[in-house]
């Protein structure tokens, strides 16, 4: 009898302690309403929920939109009308393709002539008794060099000297009439875009220092002579290149697997 009474007293004290201990808010109540700091209110609601479990099945809480919808801030387009800018006012529909080409690349050709001649004279100065010096490259010769280089992409040959061959069935008079083979090879050998002796500092941070001046001229001209519209697209492009540079990438899913990744900002009219 004593053992039974002690056991009943033990269960009674445990029940009273369990009833007095507050319960944390349940998971379903936290979803339907924010947690309340009042523990007595939350415990009473939990007790009501426990009592109603047998009578009805709990419904999942409904998610609603915030009271104030988010507003997108749209800025008005304040740019100039798309088309040629005031810097290219002399360009008309009657202008020749060469005049439009010079609009962008006239400074580039001048840069190539200056740096190519500089690099050739630096090469001659490195020898005490070197080869006989040749005359400096002119802008006309540089234009011819670029024209032949572009044309070689349309008439593929096995070797470079085959473009100047005198064999009747393979001869193309255009190359020999435009520029001599020895002169073309001379420009190709000493073609340069910057002064190697300039900025004698560590260039590890700038991997494009060899063509940085050329790149800045082209990028400045492309943004100076044309006003883009408000419909723009930024995308990446892979420039095919199989040479030896550190930043060359291999992307097997691309049509041009080996190349240099660049980012382009393009207008809806196709202007880059």
Foldseek 3Di string as FASTA:
>chain_A
DVVVVVVVVVVVVVVVVVVPDFDAADPQVCVQDPGDPDRVVRRVVVVVVVVCVVVDPDDHHDDDDDPDDDDDDDDDDDFDDWDWDPVPPVDDPPDDPVVVVCLQCVVVLVLQQVQLQVQLVVVVVVDPDDDDDDDGDDSLNSVLLVVVVVVCVVVPDPDPCQQCDPDPVSYDVPNVVSDNPVVSVSSVVRGFRDDPPPPPDDCPVPQCPRNVVVVVSNVVSLPNTTTADPDKDKDKDFDADDDDGPQWAADPVDPRRTGHIDIDIAHPVGRD
